[in-house]
């Protein structure tokens, strides 16, 4: 996941003008990860953007501790009942 389009270069001036490339790169990354997850029958979770505050993004994709905590909670919510994880208990 990454910051909203209008904030992609907000805290990372070097990315100014490359916002579309960052968006395309993430989409390609998601395609590859989704394919691998499907192949190995494991979940692939994209945390919903609306659960994240803009100020939690330190740059285009790195989160503050508060943002990482929310991301971890989302992953837990999405994965806790999945059979692959239940069998590990």
PDB file of N, CA and C in Angstrom:
ATOM      1  N   UNK A   1       0.831  -1.171   0.000  1.00  0.00           N
ATOM      2  CA  UNK A   1       0.000   0.000   0.000  1.00  0.00           C
ATOM      3  C   UNK A   1       0.875   1.234   0.000  1.00  0.00           C
ATOM      4  N   UNK A   2       0.278   2.325  -0.382  1.00  0.00           N
ATOM      5  CA  UNK A   2       1.034   3.568  -0.371  1.00  0.00           C
ATOM      6  C   UNK A   2       0.097   4.737  -0.115  1.00  0.00           C
ATOM      7  N   UNK A   3       0.685   5.886   0.065  1.00  0.00           N
ATOM      8  CA  UNK A   3      -0.078   7.099   0.331  1.00  0.00           C
ATOM      9  C   UNK A   3      -1.034   7.394  -0.823  1.00  0.00           C
ATOM     10  N   UNK A   4      -2.014   8.208  -0.541  1.00  0.00           N
ATOM     11  CA  UNK A   4      -2.920   8.652  -1.597  1.00  0.00           C
ATOM     12  C   UNK A   4      -2.129   9.399  -2.666  1.00  0.00           C
ATOM     13  N   UNK A   5      -2.625   9.372  -3.882  1.00  0.00           N
ATOM     14  CA  UNK A   5      -1.897   9.948  -5.017  1.00  0.00           C
ATOM     15  C   UNK A   5      -1.403  11.362  -4.733  1.00  0.00           C
ATOM     16  N   UNK A   6      -2.253  12.201  -4.175  1.00  0.00           N
ATOM     17  CA  UNK A   6      -1.877  13.595  -3.942  1.00  0.00           C
ATOM     18  C   UNK A   6      -0.792  13.750  -2.875  1.00  0.00           C
ATOM     19  N   UNK A   7      -0.500  12.679  -2.145  1.00  0.00           N
ATOM     20  CA  UNK A   7       0.509  12.745  -1.085  1.00  0.00           C
ATOM     21  C   UNK A   7       1.756  11.909  -1.369  1.00  0.00           C
ATOM     22  N   UNK A   8       1.836  11.294  -2.532  1.00  0.00           N
ATOM     23  CA  UNK A   8       2.951  10.388  -2.813  1.00  0.00           C
ATOM     24  C   UNK A   8       4.314  11.059  -2.706  1.00  0.00           C
ATOM     25  N   UNK A   9       4.410  12.309  -3.080  1.00  0.00           N
ATOM     26  CA  UNK A   9       5.709  12.989  -3.015  1.00  0.00           C
ATOM     27  C   UNK A   9       5.747  14.055  -1.915  1.00  0.00           C
ATOM     28  N   UNK A  10       4.719  14.094  -1.095  1.00  0.00           N
ATOM     29  CA  UNK A  10       4.618  15.118  -0.050  1.00  0.00           C
ATOM     30  C   UNK A  10       5.834  15.124   0.870  1.00  0.00           C
ATOM     31  N   UNK A  11       6.223  13.978   1.371  1.00  0.00           N
ATOM     32  CA  UNK A  11       7.368  13.866   2.282  1.00  0.00           C
ATOM     33  C   UNK A  11       8.589  13.265   1.601  1.00  0.00           C
ATOM     34  N   UNK A  12       8.533  13.148   0.299  1.00  0.00           N
ATOM     35  CA  UNK A  12       9.645  12.567  -0.464  1.00  0.00           C
ATOM     36  C   UNK A  12       9.770  13.340  -1.776  1.00  0.00           C
ATOM     37  N   UNK A  13      10.400  14.493  -1.691  1.00  0.00           N
ATOM     38  CA  UNK A  13      10.516  15.374  -2.844  1.00  0.00           C
ATOM     39  C   UNK A  13      11.136  14.734  -4.070  1.00  0.00           C
ATOM     40  N   UNK A  14      11.986  13.737  -3.865  1.00  0.00           N
ATOM     41  CA  UNK A  14      12.633  13.069  -4.995  1.00  0.00           C
ATOM     42  C   UNK A  14      11.618  12.353  -5.884  1.00  0.00           C
ATOM     43  N   UNK A  15      10.421  12.078  -5.352  1.00  0.00           N
ATOM     44  CA  UNK A  15       9.391  11.381  -6.124  1.00  0.00           C
ATOM     45  C   UNK A  15       8.493  12.337  -6.900  1.00  0.00           C
ATOM     46  N   UNK A  16       8.692  13.630  -6.739  1.00  0.00           N
ATOM     47  CA  UNK A  16       7.864  14.627  -7.429  1.00  0.00           C
ATOM     48  C   UNK A  16       7.953  14.405  -8.942  1.00  0.00           C
ATOM     49  N   UNK A  17       6.808  14.257  -9.569  1.00  0.00           N
ATOM     50  CA  UNK A  17       6.760  14.005 -11.003  1.00  0.00           C
ATOM     51  C   UNK A  17       6.730  12.527 -11.363  1.00  0.00           C
ATOM     52  N   UNK A  18       6.933  11.665 -10.371  1.00  0.00           N
ATOM     53  CA  UNK A  18       6.946  10.216 -10.613  1.00  0.00           C
ATOM     54  C   UNK A  18       5.746   9.517  -9.966  1.00  0.00           C
ATOM     55  N   UNK A  19       4.738  10.277  -9.608  1.00  0.00           N
ATOM     56  CA  UNK A  19       3.592   9.709  -8.906  1.00  0.00           C
ATOM     57  C   UNK A  19       2.911   8.599  -9.706  1.00  0.00           C
ATOM     58  N   UNK A  20       2.730   8.814 -11.003  1.00  0.00           N
ATOM     59  CA  UNK A  20       2.076   7.788 -11.832  1.00  0.00           C
ATOM     60  C   UNK A  20       2.912   6.513 -11.891  1.00  0.00           C
ATOM     61  N   UNK A  21       4.226   6.657 -11.919  1.00  0.00           N
ATOM     62  CA  UNK A  21       5.106   5.483 -11.926  1.00  0.00           C
ATOM     63  C   UNK A  21       4.990   4.722 -10.610  1.00  0.00           C
ATOM     64  N   UNK A  22       4.868   5.438  -9.502  1.00  0.00           N
ATOM     65  CA  UNK A  22       4.696   4.781  -8.203  1.00  0.00           C
ATOM     66  C   UNK A  22       3.384   4.005  -8.161  1.00  0.00           C
ATOM     67  N   UNK A  23       2.338   4.598  -8.696  1.00  0.00           N
ATOM     68  CA  UNK A  23       1.038   3.924  -8.732  1.00  0.00           C
ATOM     69  C   UNK A  23       1.102   2.682  -9.611  1.00  0.00           C
ATOM     70  N   UNK A  24       1.672   2.808 -10.790  1.00  0.00           N
ATOM     71  CA  UNK A  24       1.808   1.671 -11.701  1.00  0.00           C
ATOM     72  C   UNK A  24       2.679   0.580 -11.088  1.00  0.00           C
ATOM     73  N   UNK A  25       3.767   0.976 -10.452  1.00  0.00           N
ATOM     74  CA  UNK A  25       4.654   0.003  -9.816  1.00  0.00           C
ATOM     75  C   UNK A  25       3.944  -0.789  -8.736  1.00  0.00           C
ATOM     76  N   UNK A  26       3.130  -0.119  -7.934  1.00  0.00           N
ATOM     77  CA  UNK A  26       2.396  -0.823  -6.883  1.00  0.00           C
ATOM     78  C   UNK A  26       1.365  -1.768  -7.492  1.00  0.00           C
ATOM     79  N   UNK A  27       0.681  -1.334  -8.543  1.00  0.00           N
ATOM     80  CA  UNK A  27      -0.289  -2.208  -9.210  1.00  0.00           C
ATOM     81  C   UNK A  27       0.387  -3.466  -9.746  1.00  0.00           C
ATOM     82  N   UNK A  28       1.557  -3.319 -10.348  1.00  0.00           N
ATOM     83  CA  UNK A  28       2.297  -4.485 -10.853  1.00  0.00           C
ATOM     84  C   UNK A  28       2.737  -5.383  -9.702  1.00  0.00           C
ATOM     85  N   UNK A  29       3.181  -4.780  -8.613  1.00  0.00           N
ATOM     86  CA  UNK A  29       3.580  -5.543  -7.436  1.00  0.00           C
ATOM     87  C   UNK A  29       2.392  -6.343  -6.904  1.00  0.00           C
ATOM     88  N   UNK A  30       1.237  -5.709  -6.809  1.00  0.00           N
ATOM     89  CA  UNK A  30       0.034  -6.404  -6.349  1.00  0.00           C
ATOM     90  C   UNK A  30      -0.329  -7.553  -7.286  1.00  0.00           C
ATOM     91  N   UNK A  31      -0.202  -7.364  -8.583  1.00  0.00           N
ATOM     92  CA  UNK A  31      -0.504  -8.433  -9.539  1.00  0.00           C
ATOM     93  C   UNK A  31       0.374  -9.654  -9.289  1.00  0.00           C
ATOM     94  N   UNK A  32       1.657  -9.424  -9.090  1.00  0.00           N
ATOM     95  CA  UNK A  32       2.594 -10.526  -8.839  1.00  0.00           C
ATOM     96  C   UNK A  32       2.271 -11.204  -7.513  1.00  0.00           C
ATOM     97  N   UNK A  33       2.053 -10.409  -6.472  1.00  0.00           N
ATOM     98  CA  UNK A  33       1.759 -10.993  -5.156  1.00  0.00           C
ATOM     99  C   UNK A  33       0.439 -11.756  -5.168  1.00  0.00           C
ATOM    100  N   UNK A  34      -0.560 -11.236  -5.884  1.00  0.00           N
ATOM    101  CA  UNK A  34      -1.850 -11.917  -5.990  1.00  0.00           C
ATOM    102  C   UNK A  34      -1.681 -13.262  -6.704  1.00  0.00           C
ATOM    103  N   UNK A  35      -0.886 -13.287  -7.763  1.00  0.00           N
ATOM    104  CA  UNK A  35      -0.631 -14.524  -8.504  1.00  0.00           C
ATOM    105  C   UNK A  35       0.065 -15.560  -7.620  1.00  0.00           C
ATOM    106  N   UNK A  36       1.057 -15.135  -6.876  1.00  0.00           N
ATOM    107  CA  UNK A  36       1.774 -16.053  -5.983  1.00  0.00           C
ATOM    108  C   UNK A  36       0.846 -16.563  -4.888  1.00  0.00           C
ATOM    109  N   UNK A  37       0.054 -15.670  -4.310  1.00  0.00           N
ATOM    110  CA  UNK A  37      -0.886 -16.077  -3.263  1.00  0.00           C
ATOM    111  C   UNK A  37      -1.878 -17.105  -3.796  1.00  0.00           C
ATOM    112  N   UNK A  38      -2.366 -16.893  -4.999  1.00  0.00           N
ATOM    113  CA  UNK A  38      -3.300 -17.838  -5.611  1.00  0.00           C
ATOM    114  C   UNK A  38      -2.618 -19.179  -5.852  1.00  0.00           C
ATOM    115  N   UNK A  39      -1.418 -19.137  -6.375  1.00  0.00           N
ATOM    116  CA  UNK A  39      -0.681 -20.364  -6.668  1.00  0.00           C
ATOM    117  C   UNK A  39      -0.473 -21.208  -5.409  1.00  0.00           C
ATOM    118  N   UNK A  40      -0.161 -20.566  -4.306  1.00  0.00           N
ATOM    119  CA  UNK A  40       0.136 -21.292  -3.072  1.00  0.00           C
ATOM    120  C   UNK A  40      -1.051 -21.340  -2.111  1.00  0.00           C
ATOM    121  N   UNK A  41      -2.197 -20.856  -2.580  1.00  0.00           N
ATOM    122  CA  UNK A  41      -3.444 -20.907  -1.802  1.00  0.00           C
ATOM    123  C   UNK A  41      -3.303 -20.264  -0.425  1.00  0.00           C
ATOM    124  N   UNK A  42      -2.724 -19.092  -0.435  1.00  0.00           N
ATOM    125  CA  UNK A  42      -2.616 -18.305   0.797  1.00  0.00           C
ATOM    126  C   UNK A  42      -3.320 -16.969   0.571  1.00  0.00           C
ATOM    127  N   UNK A  43      -3.766 -16.343   1.624  1.00  0.00           N
ATOM    128  CA  UNK A  43      -4.470 -15.067   1.475  1.00  0.00           C
ATOM    129  C   UNK A  43      -3.553 -13.945   1.001  1.00  0.00           C
ATOM    130  N   UNK A  44      -4.137 -13.044   0.272  1.00  0.00           N
ATOM    131  CA  UNK A  44      -3.450 -11.815  -0.128  1.00  0.00           C
ATOM    132  C   UNK A  44      -4.331 -10.662   0.318  1.00  0.00           C
ATOM    133  N   UNK A  45      -3.821  -9.841   1.196  1.00  0.00           N
ATOM    134  CA  UNK A  45      -4.606  -8.759   1.792  1.00  0.00           C
ATOM    135  C   UNK A  45      -4.023  -7.411   1.383  1.00  0.00           C
ATOM    136  N   UNK A  46      -4.870  -6.561   0.857  1.00  0.00           N
ATOM    137  CA  UNK A  46      -4.503  -5.168   0.608  1.00  0.00           C
ATOM    138  C   UNK A  46      -5.255  -4.344   1.646  1.00  0.00           C
ATOM    139  N   UNK A  47      -4.541  -3.749   2.575  1.00  0.00           N
ATOM    140  CA  UNK A  47      -5.231  -2.950   3.599  1.00  0.00           C
ATOM    141  C   UNK A  47      -6.007  -1.795   2.956  1.00  0.00           C
ATOM    142  N   UNK A  48      -7.252  -1.577   3.363  1.00  0.00           N
ATOM    143  CA  UNK A  48      -8.048  -0.499   2.769  1.00  0.00           C
ATOM    144  C   UNK A  48      -7.491   0.883   3.124  1.00  0.00           C
ATOM    145  N   UNK A  49      -7.321   1.694   2.110  1.00  0.00           N
ATOM    146  CA  UNK A  49      -6.731   3.028   2.264  1.00  0.00           C
ATOM    147  C   UNK A  49      -7.485   3.881   3.283  1.00  0.00           C
ATOM    148  N   UNK A  50      -8.793   3.704   3.358  1.00  0.00           N
ATOM    149  CA  UNK A  50      -9.583   4.573   4.231  1.00  0.00           C
ATOM    150  C   UNK A  50      -9.361   4.333   5.721  1.00  0.00           C
ATOM    151  N   UNK A  51      -8.615   3.299   6.059  1.00  0.00           N
ATOM    152  CA  UNK A  51      -8.292   3.056   7.472  1.00  0.00           C
ATOM    153  C   UNK A  51      -7.028   3.797   7.908  1.00  0.00           C
ATOM    154  N   UNK A  52      -6.374   4.501   6.987  1.00  0.00           N
ATOM    155  CA  UNK A  52      -5.085   5.140   7.269  1.00  0.00           C
ATOM    156  C   UNK A  52      -5.179   6.656   7.171  1.00  0.00           C
ATOM    157  N   UNK A  53      -4.588   7.318   8.139  1.00  0.00           N
ATOM    158  CA  UNK A  53      -4.508   8.778   8.138  1.00  0.00           C
ATOM    159  C   UNK A  53      -3.352   9.205   7.232  1.00  0.00           C
ATOM    160  N   UNK A  54      -3.537  10.278   6.505  1.00  0.00           N
ATOM    161  CA  UNK A  54      -2.483  10.757   5.605  1.00  0.00           C
ATOM    162  C   UNK A  54      -1.175  11.019   6.341  1.00  0.00           C
ATOM    163  N   UNK A  55      -1.253  11.556   7.544  1.00  0.00           N
ATOM    164  CA  UNK A  55      -0.026  11.900   8.275  1.00  0.00           C
ATOM    165  C   UNK A  55       0.745  10.680   8.780  1.00  0.00           C
ATOM    166  N   UNK A  56       0.184   9.493   8.674  1.00  0.00           N
ATOM    167  CA  UNK A  56       0.906   8.286   9.077  1.00  0.00           C
ATOM    168  C   UNK A  56       1.959   7.870   8.056  1.00  0.00           C
ATOM    169  N   UNK A  57       1.878   8.410   6.839  1.00  0.00           N
ATOM    170  CA  UNK A  57       2.844   8.055   5.798  1.00  0.00           C
ATOM    171  C   UNK A  57       4.073   8.944   5.916  1.00  0.00           C
ATOM    172  N   UNK A  58       5.223   8.309   6.144  1.00  0.00           N
ATOM    173  CA  UNK A  58       6.473   9.054   6.277  1.00  0.00           C
ATOM    174  C   UNK A  58       7.034   9.438   4.914  1.00  0.00           C
ATOM    175  N   UNK A  59       6.669   8.686   3.905  1.00  0.00           N
ATOM    176  CA  UNK A  59       7.020   8.970   2.512  1.00  0.00           C
ATOM    177  C   UNK A  59       5.908   8.359   1.672  1.00  0.00           C
ATOM    178  N   UNK A  60       6.233   7.814   0.522  1.00  0.00           N
ATOM    179  CA  UNK A  60       5.166   7.260  -0.312  1.00  0.00           C
ATOM    180  C   UNK A  60       4.564   5.968   0.233  1.00  0.00           C
ATOM    181  N   UNK A  61       5.334   5.204   1.045  1.00  0.00           N
ATOM    182  CA  UNK A  61       4.811   3.905   1.471  1.00  0.00           C
ATOM    183  C   UNK A  61       5.188   3.477   2.887  1.00  0.00           C
ATOM    184  N   UNK A  62       6.072   4.171   3.549  1.00  0.00           N
ATOM    185  CA  UNK A  62       6.483   3.764   4.892  1.00  0.00           C
ATOM    186  C   UNK A  62       5.627   4.459   5.935  1.00  0.00           C
ATOM    187  N   UNK A  63       5.137   3.663   6.873  1.00  0.00           N
ATOM    188  CA  UNK A  63       4.201   4.163   7.868  1.00  0.00           C
ATOM    189  C   UNK A  63       4.877   4.492   9.193  1.00  0.00           C
ATOM    190  N   UNK A  64       4.256   5.378   9.926  1.00  0.00           N
ATOM    191  CA  UNK A  64       4.670   5.676  11.296  1.00  0.00           C
ATOM    192  C   UNK A  64       4.283   4.483  12.173  1.00  0.00           C
ATOM    193  N   UNK A  65       4.751   4.438  13.420  1.00  0.00           N
ATOM    194  CA  UNK A  65       4.329   3.353  14.316  1.00  0.00           C
ATOM    195  C   UNK A  65       2.801   3.247  14.437  1.00  0.00           C
ATOM    196  N   UNK A  66       2.105   4.365  14.477  1.00  0.00           N
ATOM    197  CA  UNK A  66       0.634   4.320  14.555  1.00  0.00           C
ATOM    198  C   UNK A  66       0.046   3.655  13.311  1.00  0.00           C
ATOM    199  N   UNK A  67       0.584   3.973  12.146  1.00  0.00           N
ATOM    200  CA  UNK A  67       0.115   3.363  10.908  1.00  0.00           C
ATOM    201  C   UNK A  67       0.424   1.876  10.843  1.00  0.00           C
ATOM    202  N   UNK A  68       1.609   1.502  11.301  1.00  0.00           N
ATOM    203  CA  UNK A  68       1.980   0.078  11.318  1.00  0.00           C
ATOM    204  C   UNK A  68       1.076  -0.710  12.260  1.00  0.00           C
ATOM    205  N   UNK A  69       0.679  -0.081  13.356  1.00  0.00           N
ATOM    206  CA  UNK A  69      -0.226  -0.749  14.295  1.00  0.00           C
ATOM    207  C   UNK A  69      -1.583  -1.022  13.645  1.00  0.00           C
ATOM    208  N   UNK A  70      -2.096  -0.056  12.918  1.00  0.00           N
ATOM    209  CA  UNK A  70      -3.369  -0.246  12.217  1.00  0.00           C
ATOM    210  C   UNK A  70      -3.216  -1.315  11.138  1.00  0.00           C
ATOM    211  N   UNK A  71      -2.113  -1.285  10.408  1.00  0.00           N
ATOM    212  CA  UNK A  71      -1.881  -2.295   9.373  1.00  0.00           C
ATOM    213  C   UNK A  71      -1.828  -3.692   9.990  1.00  0.00           C
ATOM    214  N   UNK A  72      -1.157  -3.837  11.113  1.00  0.00           N
ATOM    215  CA  UNK A  72      -1.087  -5.139  11.788  1.00  0.00           C
ATOM    216  C   UNK A  72      -2.476  -5.593  12.228  1.00  0.00           C
ATOM    217  N   UNK A  73      -3.279  -4.673  12.725  1.00  0.00           N
ATOM    218  CA  UNK A  73      -4.641  -5.012  13.148  1.00  0.00           C
ATOM    219  C   UNK A  73      -5.469  -5.483  11.956  1.00  0.00           C
ATOM    220  N   UNK A  74      -5.337  -4.814  10.834  1.00  0.00           N
ATOM    221  CA  UNK A  74      -6.063  -5.214   9.622  1.00  0.00           C
ATOM    222  C   UNK A  74      -5.643  -6.618   9.195  1.00  0.00           C
ATOM    223  N   UNK A  75      -4.348  -6.874   9.193  1.00  0.00           N
ATOM    224  CA  UNK A  75      -3.865  -8.203   8.802  1.00  0.00           C
ATOM    225  C   UNK A  75      -4.416  -9.266   9.751  1.00  0.00           C
ATOM    226  N   UNK A  76      -4.402  -8.970  11.037  1.00  0.00           N
ATOM    227  CA  UNK A  76      -4.947  -9.913  12.016  1.00  0.00           C
ATOM    228  C   UNK A  76      -6.427 -10.171  11.740  1.00  0.00           C
ATOM    229  N   UNK A  77      -7.190  -9.110  11.535  1.00  0.00           N
ATOM    230  CA  UNK A  77      -8.622  -9.253  11.261  1.00  0.00           C
ATOM    231  C   UNK A  77      -8.876 -10.114  10.028  1.00  0.00           C
ATOM    232  N   UNK A  78      -8.072  -9.933   8.996  1.00  0.00           N
ATOM    233  CA  UNK A  78      -8.277 -10.637   7.734  1.00  0.00           C
ATOM    234  C   UNK A  78      -7.778 -12.086   7.762  1.00  0.00           C
ATOM    235  N   UNK A  79      -6.783 -12.352   8.594  1.00  0.00           N
ATOM    236  CA  UNK A  79      -6.119 -13.659   8.540  1.00  0.00           C
ATOM    237  C   UNK A  79      -6.426 -14.585   9.711  1.00  0.00           C
ATOM    238  N   UNK A  80      -6.932 -14.073  10.805  1.00  0.00           N
ATOM    239  CA  UNK A  80      -7.055 -14.876  12.023  1.00  0.00           C
ATOM    240  C   UNK A  80      -7.875 -16.142  11.857  1.00  0.00           C
ATOM    241  N   UNK A  81      -8.893 -16.135  11.006  1.00  0.00           N
ATOM    242  CA  UNK A  81      -9.750 -17.307  10.852  1.00  0.00           C
ATOM    243  C   UNK A  81      -9.429 -18.137   9.619  1.00  0.00           C
ATOM    244  N   UNK A  82      -8.363 -17.792   8.929  1.00  0.00           N
ATOM    245  CA  UNK A  82      -8.009 -18.546   7.729  1.00  0.00           C
ATOM    246  C   UNK A  82      -7.451 -19.914   8.134  1.00  0.00           C
ATOM    247  N   UNK A  83      -7.896 -20.994   7.486  1.00  0.00           N
ATOM    248  CA  UNK A  83      -7.468 -22.351   7.861  1.00  0.00           C
ATOM    249  C   UNK A  83      -5.954 -22.551   7.910  1.00  0.00           C
ATOM    250  N   UNK A  84      -5.223 -21.891   7.038  1.00  0.00           N
ATOM    251  CA  UNK A  84      -3.775 -22.100   7.034  1.00  0.00           C
ATOM    252  C   UNK A  84      -3.146 -21.645   8.350  1.00  0.00           C
ATOM    253  N   UNK A  85      -3.755 -20.651   8.984  1.00  0.00           N
ATOM    254  CA  UNK A  85      -3.223 -20.159  10.246  1.00  0.00           C
ATOM    255  C   UNK A  85      -3.817 -20.904  11.433  1.00  0.00           C
ATOM    256  N   UNK A  86      -5.049 -21.354  11.311  1.00  0.00           N
ATOM    257  CA  UNK A  86      -5.665 -22.120  12.386  1.00  0.00           C
ATOM    258  C   UNK A  86      -4.955 -23.453  12.576  1.00  0.00           C
ATOM    259  N   UNK A  87      -4.487 -24.056  11.492  1.00  0.00           N
ATOM    260  CA  UNK A  87      -3.814 -25.356  11.589  1.00  0.00           C
ATOM    261  C   UNK A  87      -2.454 -25.249  12.257  1.00  0.00           C
ATOM    262  N   UNK A  88      -1.919 -24.043  12.353  1.00  0.00           N
ATOM    263  CA  UNK A  88      -0.604 -23.858  12.978  1.00  0.00           C
ATOM    264  C   UNK A  88      -0.701 -23.824  14.498  1.00  0.00           C
ATOM    265  N   UNK A  89      -1.907 -23.719  15.031  1.00  0.00           N
ATOM    266  CA  UNK A  89      -2.078 -23.634  16.493  1.00  0.00           C
ATOM    267  C   UNK A  89      -1.902 -24.962  17.165  1.00  0.00           C
TER     268      UNK A  89
END
